[in-house]
Amino acid sequence: MGLPGALAAAAARLPGLSLVPPPVLPGASLEPLVFPDLDGWRADDHRAAFATFLASCAALRAPPREVGPIDAPTLREGLRQACANATRLGTAEPSDLVARLFFEVNFAPWRVVPDKGGAGFFTGYYEPEVAGALTPGGGFDVPVYRRPDDLVMSGGGPTPNSGPVQRRDADGRMVPYFDRAAIEDGALAGRGLEVAWLKDPIDLFFMQIQGSARVRLPDGRVLRLNYDGYNGHPYLPVARLLIQRGLVPREEMSMARIRAFMEQDPQAGRALRRENRSYVFFKALDLGAGDGAMGAQGVSLTAGRSMAVDRRIHTYGVPVFVEADLPLSAPGAADPFRRLMIAQDTGSAIVGPARADLYFGAGDEAGAVAGRIRHPGRFILLVPRLARIAPGAP
């Protein structure tokens, strides 16, 4: 009969238990696979993936923090059923074999194939560590702003994550929010919105790209800052501009090359940053030193296991197996990366059904690795097999 047939038979015998259909992803089709089709599947550390999945399970018990894909209710219930099955294992630290069998029994692999052709596309991100202060002075004169109270969606409510953003001007009209240049020129000054002060505007720019930071204060304490909304203007990758203008060869592009360009010519660097009109706001979080950055799902991210996806398409908590060759060890290297990741975050630059940002942790070493990654690969979605759907549920 095979596993799918056995599950269908089991679903028919258990009231309320239904097969979860593969989701309909805008801009892509799904190609059914079996686990032996996944290159490197058996060699992965499934215990680590299981631990990261359990972190998402805690968030899945609560109502969703924000609206996701149209078919999210069914997929989310499938994830909750898988979480319930994980709890029935009786341990949060199963053997690697048990963890692998858990994923194979509870999920079915589907390759996401973009309609435009080609493979998936992966980048990397990390949590920067920068020098800062809670008050200005002593060279700390670059403000880090929290989300302003007058930043509203076009529908009228506050937006911590995405969507059209506006403000009401002096004449009572709703207009686009201040762009990067206006904010840098003082549009928000004097309103008490500063959560920290930095020495280097380049540090702030990279913080905004990554969506979080560890700010080391003069007394040695560390302030953890996390994404708390943006100004609604489209994100424009400055890497693309540098490549288009012939300033950095495509094959040499990395965050290190972007920083080097900005440091070597501060005026040109400032002008380049201002071409990206998007501007990110931050909030302080009470996180332990060992905790990863806070993802949009509301869980602490795990280096090498958490990923950011397009929230309009994918559901938080869903596992994704990544098959790619990445420059992990050095620039230009092609190290095999065969890893089961969990979707726990999002970002305004992460757009598309087979697009993901891989989280590598905090600090300069993680940043060096993350900054080199702009590579294709296979994006394999693990869809829950069964869900317990209440009568009348969508």
Protein backbone atom coordinates (compact mmCIF):
# COMPACT_ATOMS: atom_id res chain seq x y z
CA MET A 1 0.00 0.00 0.00
CA GLY A 2 2.87 2.40 0.77
CA LEU A 3 2.98 5.17 3.35
CA PRO A 4 0.56 7.60 1.60
CA GLY A 5 -2.04 4.85 1.16
CA ALA A 6 -1.62 3.73 4.76
CA LEU A 7 -2.07 7.29 5.97
CA ALA A 8 -5.20 7.72 3.85
CA ALA A 9 -6.63 4.55 5.34
CA ALA A 10 -5.77 5.74 8.85
CA ALA A 11 -7.37 9.11 8.19
CA ALA A 12 -10.58 7.40 7.08
CA ARG A 13 -10.73 5.50 10.39
CA LEU A 14 -10.04 8.45 12.70
CA PRO A 15 -12.81 11.08 13.03
CA GLY A 16 -11.57 14.56 12.22
CA LEU A 17 -8.23 13.42 10.83
CA SER A 18 -7.69 14.42 7.19
CA LEU A 19 -4.94 14.30 4.63
CA VAL A 20 -3.29 17.69 4.15
CA PRO A 21 -3.21 18.63 0.45
CA PRO A 22 -0.05 20.25 -0.89
CA PRO A 23 -0.42 24.03 -0.68
CA VAL A 24 -0.97 26.15 -3.76
CA LEU A 25 2.01 28.49 -3.96
CA PRO A 26 1.67 31.61 -6.13
CA GLY A 27 4.38 31.67 -8.77
CA ALA A 28 5.42 28.03 -8.42
CA SER A 29 4.42 24.43 -8.87
CA LEU A 30 5.15 21.54 -6.52
CA GLU A 31 6.97 18.39 -7.63
CA PRO A 32 6.34 15.35 -5.39
CA LEU A 33 9.43 13.61 -4.04
CA VAL A 34 10.24 10.80 -1.64
CA PHE A 35 12.90 11.10 1.04
CA PRO A 36 15.48 8.97 -0.82
CA ASP A 37 15.33 11.65 -3.55
CA LEU A 38 16.79 14.22 -1.13
CA ASP A 39 20.55 14.46 -1.54
CA GLY A 40 22.18 14.26 1.89
CA TRP A 41 18.93 13.66 3.77
CA ARG A 42 20.13 10.69 5.83
CA ALA A 43 23.43 12.38 6.71
CA ASP A 44 21.83 15.49 8.22
CA ASP A 45 21.62 16.16 11.98
CA HIS A 46 17.91 15.51 12.43
CA ARG A 47 18.12 15.96 16.21
CA ALA A 48 19.12 19.60 15.69
CA ALA A 49 16.29 20.13 13.21
CA PHE A 50 13.85 18.48 15.64
CA ALA A 51 14.87 20.85 18.46
CA THR A 52 14.32 23.87 16.21
CA PHE A 53 10.96 22.47 15.07
CA LEU A 54 9.89 22.12 18.72
CA ALA A 55 10.61 25.83 19.25
CA SER A 56 8.14 26.60 16.47
CA CYS A 57 5.61 24.23 18.03
CA ALA A 58 5.42 26.48 21.09
CA ALA A 59 4.51 29.42 18.86
CA LEU A 60 2.00 27.36 16.85
CA ARG A 61 -0.08 26.74 19.98
CA ALA A 62 -1.05 30.43 20.00
CA PRO A 63 -3.15 32.23 17.36
CA PRO A 64 -1.03 33.44 14.42
CA ARG A 65 0.68 36.77 15.07
CA GLU A 66 -0.12 37.99 11.56
CA VAL A 67 -2.11 36.97 8.50
CA GLY A 68 -0.29 34.49 6.28
CA PRO A 69 -1.09 32.50 3.14
CA ILE A 70 -4.67 31.83 2.06
CA ASP A 71 -4.41 28.10 2.78
CA ALA A 72 -2.56 28.60 6.09
CA PRO A 73 -5.36 27.28 8.36
CA THR A 74 -5.15 23.74 6.94
CA LEU A 75 -1.36 23.73 6.75
CA ARG A 76 -1.10 25.21 10.24
CA GLU A 77 -3.38 22.50 11.62
CA GLY A 78 -1.14 19.93 9.95
CA LEU A 79 1.86 21.45 11.69
CA ARG A 80 0.00 21.37 15.00
CA GLN A 81 -0.80 17.69 14.46
CA ALA A 82 2.90 17.03 13.78
CA CYS A 83 3.75 18.96 16.96
CA ALA A 84 1.32 16.80 18.93
CA ASN A 85 2.99 13.71 17.51
CA ALA A 86 6.39 15.12 18.49
CA THR A 87 5.17 15.48 22.06
CA ARG A 88 4.02 11.85 22.06
CA LEU A 89 7.63 10.78 21.51
CA GLY A 90 8.05 11.46 25.23
CA THR A 91 11.37 13.28 24.86
CA ALA A 92 12.62 16.58 23.51
CA GLU A 93 15.96 14.95 22.65
CA PRO A 94 15.30 11.82 20.59
CA SER A 95 18.08 9.89 18.89
CA ASP A 96 18.99 11.02 15.41
CA LEU A 97 17.27 7.94 13.96
CA VAL A 98 14.03 8.62 15.82
CA ALA A 99 14.14 12.31 14.82
CA ARG A 100 14.65 11.38 11.16
CA LEU A 101 11.78 8.87 11.26
CA PHE A 102 9.59 11.50 12.91
CA PHE A 103 10.01 13.82 9.92
CA GLU A 104 9.60 11.01 7.39
CA VAL A 105 6.37 9.74 8.97
CA ASN A 106 4.79 13.16 9.60
CA PHE A 107 5.80 15.04 6.45
CA ALA A 108 5.94 14.59 2.68
CA PRO A 109 8.66 16.32 0.61
CA TRP A 110 7.70 18.56 -2.32
CA ARG A 111 10.19 20.45 -4.46
CA VAL A 112 9.15 24.05 -5.09
CA VAL A 113 9.68 24.83 -8.79
CA PRO A 114 9.39 28.55 -9.70
CA ASP A 115 7.14 29.26 -12.69
CA LYS A 116 9.92 31.40 -14.19
CA GLY A 117 12.22 28.37 -14.25
CA GLY A 118 15.47 27.79 -12.50
CA ALA A 119 16.11 26.71 -8.93
CA GLY A 120 15.47 28.25 -5.56
CA PHE A 121 17.66 31.12 -4.41
CA PHE A 122 19.36 31.47 -1.03
CA THR A 123 21.08 34.28 0.82
CA GLY A 124 22.40 34.43 4.37
CA TYR A 125 21.83 36.72 7.33
CA TYR A 126 23.18 37.12 10.83
CA GLU A 127 22.99 39.26 13.98
CA PRO A 128 25.62 42.03 13.91
CA GLU A 129 27.53 43.07 17.03
CA VAL A 130 28.21 46.82 17.13
CA ALA A 131 29.42 49.45 19.58
CA GLY A 132 26.76 51.80 20.89
CA ALA A 133 25.45 53.85 23.80
CA LEU A 134 22.12 54.74 25.39
CA THR A 135 22.82 58.48 25.21
CA PRO A 136 24.51 60.59 22.53
CA GLY A 137 28.04 61.93 22.90
CA GLY A 138 31.58 60.69 22.78
CA GLY A 139 31.27 59.92 19.09
CA PHE A 140 27.95 58.12 19.43
CA ASP A 141 25.82 60.38 17.26
CA VAL A 142 23.96 58.00 14.90
CA PRO A 143 20.42 57.45 16.26
CA VAL A 144 18.66 54.08 16.19
CA TYR A 145 14.91 54.77 16.16
CA ARG A 146 12.00 52.78 17.52
CA ARG A 147 8.81 52.57 15.46
CA PRO A 148 7.07 55.98 15.44
CA ASP A 149 3.49 56.23 16.67
CA ASP A 150 2.36 57.98 13.49
CA LEU A 151 3.46 55.11 11.25
CA VAL A 152 0.25 53.44 10.08
CA MET A 153 -0.92 51.06 7.40
CA SER A 154 -3.10 52.45 4.63
CA GLY A 155 -5.97 50.64 6.37
CA GLY A 156 -5.40 52.68 9.50
CA GLY A 157 -3.65 50.32 11.94
CA PRO A 158 -0.07 50.08 13.14
CA THR A 159 2.19 47.74 11.19
CA PRO A 160 5.12 46.02 12.89
CA ASN A 161 6.14 43.95 9.90
CA SER A 162 5.11 44.96 6.40
CA GLY A 163 2.54 46.50 4.09
CA PRO A 164 1.81 49.97 2.70
CA VAL A 165 2.87 52.51 5.33
CA GLN A 166 1.64 56.09 5.58
CA ARG A 167 1.37 59.03 7.95
CA ARG A 168 -1.03 61.94 8.30
CA ASP A 169 0.46 65.28 7.28
CA ALA A 170 -0.31 68.71 8.73
CA ASP A 171 -3.32 69.09 6.40
CA GLY A 172 -4.84 65.80 7.52
CA ARG A 173 -3.94 63.91 4.34
CA MET A 174 -2.48 60.40 4.36
CA VAL A 175 0.90 60.49 2.62
CA PRO A 176 3.84 58.06 2.24
CA TYR A 177 6.04 57.86 5.31
CA PHE A 178 9.42 59.62 5.44
CA ASP A 179 12.07 57.87 3.37
CA ARG A 180 15.65 57.13 4.42
CA ALA A 181 17.03 60.48 3.27
CA ALA A 182 14.36 62.46 5.13
CA ILE A 183 14.91 60.46 8.33
CA GLU A 184 18.69 60.85 8.09
CA ASP A 185 18.16 64.58 7.59
CA GLY A 186 16.23 64.84 10.88
CA ALA A 187 12.55 64.14 10.12
CA LEU A 188 12.23 62.14 13.38
CA ALA A 189 14.68 64.12 15.53
CA GLY A 190 13.44 65.55 18.82
CA ARG A 191 10.60 63.07 19.28
CA GLY A 192 12.30 60.83 21.85
CA LEU A 193 12.32 57.81 19.54
CA GLU A 194 15.99 56.90 20.03
CA VAL A 195 16.60 53.45 21.57
CA ALA A 196 20.40 53.65 21.13
CA TRP A 197 23.17 55.66 19.50
CA LEU A 198 25.94 54.27 17.28
CA LYS A 199 29.25 55.62 16.02
CA ASP A 200 29.04 54.37 12.47
CA PRO A 201 26.14 54.92 10.03
CA ILE A 202 27.36 51.87 8.09
CA ASP A 203 26.73 49.73 11.20
CA LEU A 204 23.15 51.02 11.31
CA PHE A 205 22.64 50.27 7.62
CA PHE A 206 23.78 46.66 8.03
CA MET A 207 21.67 46.31 11.19
CA GLN A 208 18.67 47.33 9.14
CA ILE A 209 19.46 44.81 6.43
CA GLN A 210 19.81 42.01 9.01
CA GLY A 211 16.85 43.08 11.16
CA SER A 212 18.57 42.70 14.55
CA ALA A 213 21.74 43.56 16.46
CA ARG A 214 23.69 43.15 19.66
CA VAL A 215 24.73 46.63 20.77
CA ARG A 216 27.70 46.52 23.17
CA LEU A 217 27.43 49.45 25.58
CA PRO A 218 30.41 51.28 27.14
CA ASP A 219 29.87 49.51 30.50
CA GLY A 220 30.05 46.07 28.85
CA ARG A 221 26.33 45.35 28.85
CA VAL A 222 24.71 44.14 25.63
CA LEU A 223 21.47 45.64 24.34
CA ARG A 224 19.51 43.31 22.08
CA LEU A 225 17.60 45.10 19.34
CA ASN A 226 15.12 43.55 16.93
CA TYR A 227 13.07 44.57 13.90
CA ASP A 228 9.93 46.54 14.73
CA GLY A 229 8.63 47.68 11.37
CA TYR A 230 9.79 49.77 8.44
CA ASN A 231 8.76 52.92 6.61
CA GLY A 232 6.97 51.18 3.74
CA HIS A 233 9.32 52.18 0.93
CA PRO A 234 10.53 49.33 -1.33
CA TYR A 235 13.81 47.69 -0.39
CA LEU A 236 16.48 48.31 -3.02
CA PRO A 237 19.57 46.05 -2.74
CA VAL A 238 22.65 48.25 -2.94
CA ALA A 239 24.63 45.20 -4.10
CA ARG A 240 22.62 45.26 -7.31
CA LEU A 241 23.51 48.91 -7.87
CA LEU A 242 27.23 48.29 -7.33
CA ILE A 243 27.16 45.40 -9.82
CA GLN A 244 25.13 47.31 -12.42
CA ARG A 245 27.55 50.26 -12.24
CA GLY A 246 30.60 48.05 -12.60
CA LEU A 247 31.94 49.01 -9.17
CA VAL A 248 32.08 45.44 -7.84
CA PRO A 249 32.19 42.30 -10.03
CA ARG A 250 29.18 40.05 -9.53
CA GLU A 251 31.35 37.07 -8.57
CA GLU A 252 33.07 39.13 -5.85
CA MET A 253 29.93 40.64 -4.33
CA SER A 254 29.57 40.25 -0.57
CA MET A 255 28.63 42.36 2.43
CA ALA A 256 32.34 42.86 3.06
CA ARG A 257 32.75 44.41 -0.41
CA ILE A 258 29.77 46.69 0.18
CA ARG A 259 31.24 47.86 3.50
CA ALA A 260 34.66 48.39 1.93
CA PHE A 261 33.14 50.59 -0.79
CA MET A 262 31.31 52.71 1.80
CA GLU A 263 34.37 53.07 4.03
CA GLN A 264 36.72 53.99 1.19
CA ASP A 265 34.43 56.78 -0.08
CA PRO A 266 32.11 57.95 2.75
CA GLN A 267 30.25 60.46 0.57
CA ALA A 268 29.59 57.92 -2.17
CA GLY A 269 28.64 55.38 0.49
CA ARG A 270 26.13 57.77 2.03
CA ALA A 271 24.60 58.49 -1.38
CA LEU A 272 24.39 54.76 -2.12
CA ARG A 273 22.61 54.02 1.17
CA ARG A 274 20.08 56.76 0.49
CA GLU A 275 19.14 55.17 -2.84
CA ASN A 276 17.60 52.41 -0.71
CA ARG A 277 14.68 54.46 0.60
CA SER A 278 13.54 51.70 2.96
CA TYR A 279 14.27 52.36 6.65
CA VAL A 280 13.93 49.86 9.51
CA PHE A 281 12.92 50.60 13.12
CA PHE A 282 13.95 48.61 16.19
CA LYS A 283 12.76 47.62 19.66
CA ALA A 284 14.74 46.39 22.65
CA LEU A 285 14.23 42.78 23.74
CA ASP A 286 15.09 41.00 26.98
CA LEU A 287 17.10 38.10 25.55
CA GLY A 288 19.83 36.03 27.15
CA ALA A 289 23.38 36.08 25.83
CA GLY A 290 22.93 32.58 24.42
CA ASP A 291 19.63 33.33 22.67
CA GLY A 292 19.55 33.88 18.95
CA ALA A 293 17.87 36.86 17.35
CA MET A 294 14.08 36.93 17.66
CA GLY A 295 12.35 35.75 14.51
CA ALA A 296 9.05 37.06 13.20
CA GLN A 297 7.34 33.87 14.40
CA GLY A 298 8.15 34.97 17.93
CA VAL A 299 10.85 32.39 18.70
CA SER A 300 14.59 32.74 19.19
CA LEU A 301 16.38 31.77 15.99
CA THR A 302 18.79 28.84 15.79
CA ALA A 303 22.02 29.33 13.87
CA GLY A 304 22.16 27.00 10.89
CA ARG A 305 18.58 25.78 11.36
CA SER A 306 16.30 28.84 11.13
CA MET A 307 15.37 30.54 7.88
CA ALA A 308 13.41 33.54 6.67
CA VAL A 309 10.78 33.05 3.95
CA ASP A 310 8.18 35.08 2.09
CA ARG A 311 5.39 35.34 4.67
CA ARG A 312 2.76 36.01 2.00
CA ILE A 313 3.41 32.51 0.64
CA HIS A 314 4.75 30.26 3.40
CA THR A 315 3.58 29.34 6.90
CA TYR A 316 5.83 29.77 9.93
CA GLY A 317 6.99 26.50 11.42
CA VAL A 318 7.09 24.55 8.16
CA PRO A 319 10.31 22.55 7.57
CA VAL A 320 12.31 23.14 4.39
CA PHE A 321 15.17 20.94 3.19
CA VAL A 322 17.88 22.96 1.46
CA GLU A 323 20.18 21.45 -1.16
CA ALA A 324 22.84 23.94 -2.23
CA ASP A 325 26.58 24.37 -2.67
CA LEU A 326 27.65 27.41 -0.66
CA PRO A 327 30.92 29.26 0.09
CA LEU A 328 30.92 28.33 3.77
CA SER A 329 34.65 27.77 4.26
CA ALA A 330 36.00 30.59 2.08
CA PRO A 331 35.02 32.93 -0.76
CA GLY A 332 34.59 30.98 -3.97
CA ALA A 333 34.21 27.62 -2.22
CA ALA A 334 31.35 25.26 -3.08
CA ASP A 335 30.75 23.40 0.17
CA PRO A 336 27.76 21.01 0.23
CA PHE A 337 24.92 22.43 2.32
CA ARG A 338 22.24 19.77 2.83
CA ARG A 339 20.22 20.92 5.78
CA LEU A 340 16.70 20.69 7.19
CA MET A 341 15.70 24.23 8.19
CA ILE A 342 12.57 25.62 9.86
CA ALA A 343 10.77 28.73 8.56
CA GLN A 344 10.71 31.09 11.56
CA ASP A 345 11.33 34.53 10.13
CA THR A 346 10.65 36.85 7.20
CA GLY A 347 12.06 39.97 5.60
CA SER A 348 11.01 42.64 3.11
CA ALA A 349 13.71 41.48 0.66
CA ILE A 350 12.65 37.82 0.83
CA VAL A 351 10.18 37.59 -2.04
CA GLY A 352 9.14 34.48 -3.94
CA PRO A 353 8.05 30.87 -3.39
CA ALA A 354 11.57 29.35 -3.54
CA ARG A 355 13.43 32.23 -1.89
CA ALA A 356 14.95 31.98 1.60
CA ASP A 357 17.43 33.70 3.88
CA LEU A 358 19.51 31.31 6.01
CA TYR A 359 20.35 32.41 9.57
CA PHE A 360 23.99 31.84 10.58
CA GLY A 361 24.11 33.30 14.10
CA ALA A 362 25.78 36.37 15.59
CA GLY A 363 29.11 38.14 15.22
CA ASP A 364 31.74 38.79 12.61
CA GLU A 365 32.40 35.16 11.67
CA ALA A 366 28.71 34.48 11.06
CA GLY A 367 28.53 37.75 9.15
CA ALA A 368 31.44 36.80 6.91
CA VAL A 369 29.73 33.54 5.93
CA ALA A 370 26.27 35.06 5.53
CA GLY A 371 27.64 37.91 3.44
CA ARG A 372 29.07 35.57 0.81
CA ILE A 373 25.86 33.68 0.08
CA ARG A 374 23.84 34.52 -3.05
CA HIS A 375 23.40 31.06 -4.54
CA PRO A 376 20.85 28.78 -6.22
CA GLY A 377 19.70 25.45 -4.86
CA ARG A 378 16.74 23.14 -4.36
CA PHE A 379 13.99 24.40 -2.04
CA ILE A 380 12.14 21.33 -0.76
CA LEU A 381 9.03 21.98 1.31
CA LEU A 382 8.03 19.36 3.90
CA VAL A 383 4.22 19.38 4.00
CA PRO A 384 2.44 17.76 6.99
CA ARG A 385 0.69 14.54 5.98
CA LEU A 386 -2.29 14.67 8.36
CA ALA A 387 -4.32 17.29 10.23
CA ARG A 388 -7.17 17.17 12.71
CA ILE A 389 -9.67 19.65 11.29
CA ALA A 390 -12.64 20.67 13.42
CA PRO A 391 -16.09 20.58 11.74
CA GLY A 392 -16.75 23.83 9.95
CA ALA A 393 -13.12 24.90 10.06
CA PRO A 394 -11.70 26.52 6.90
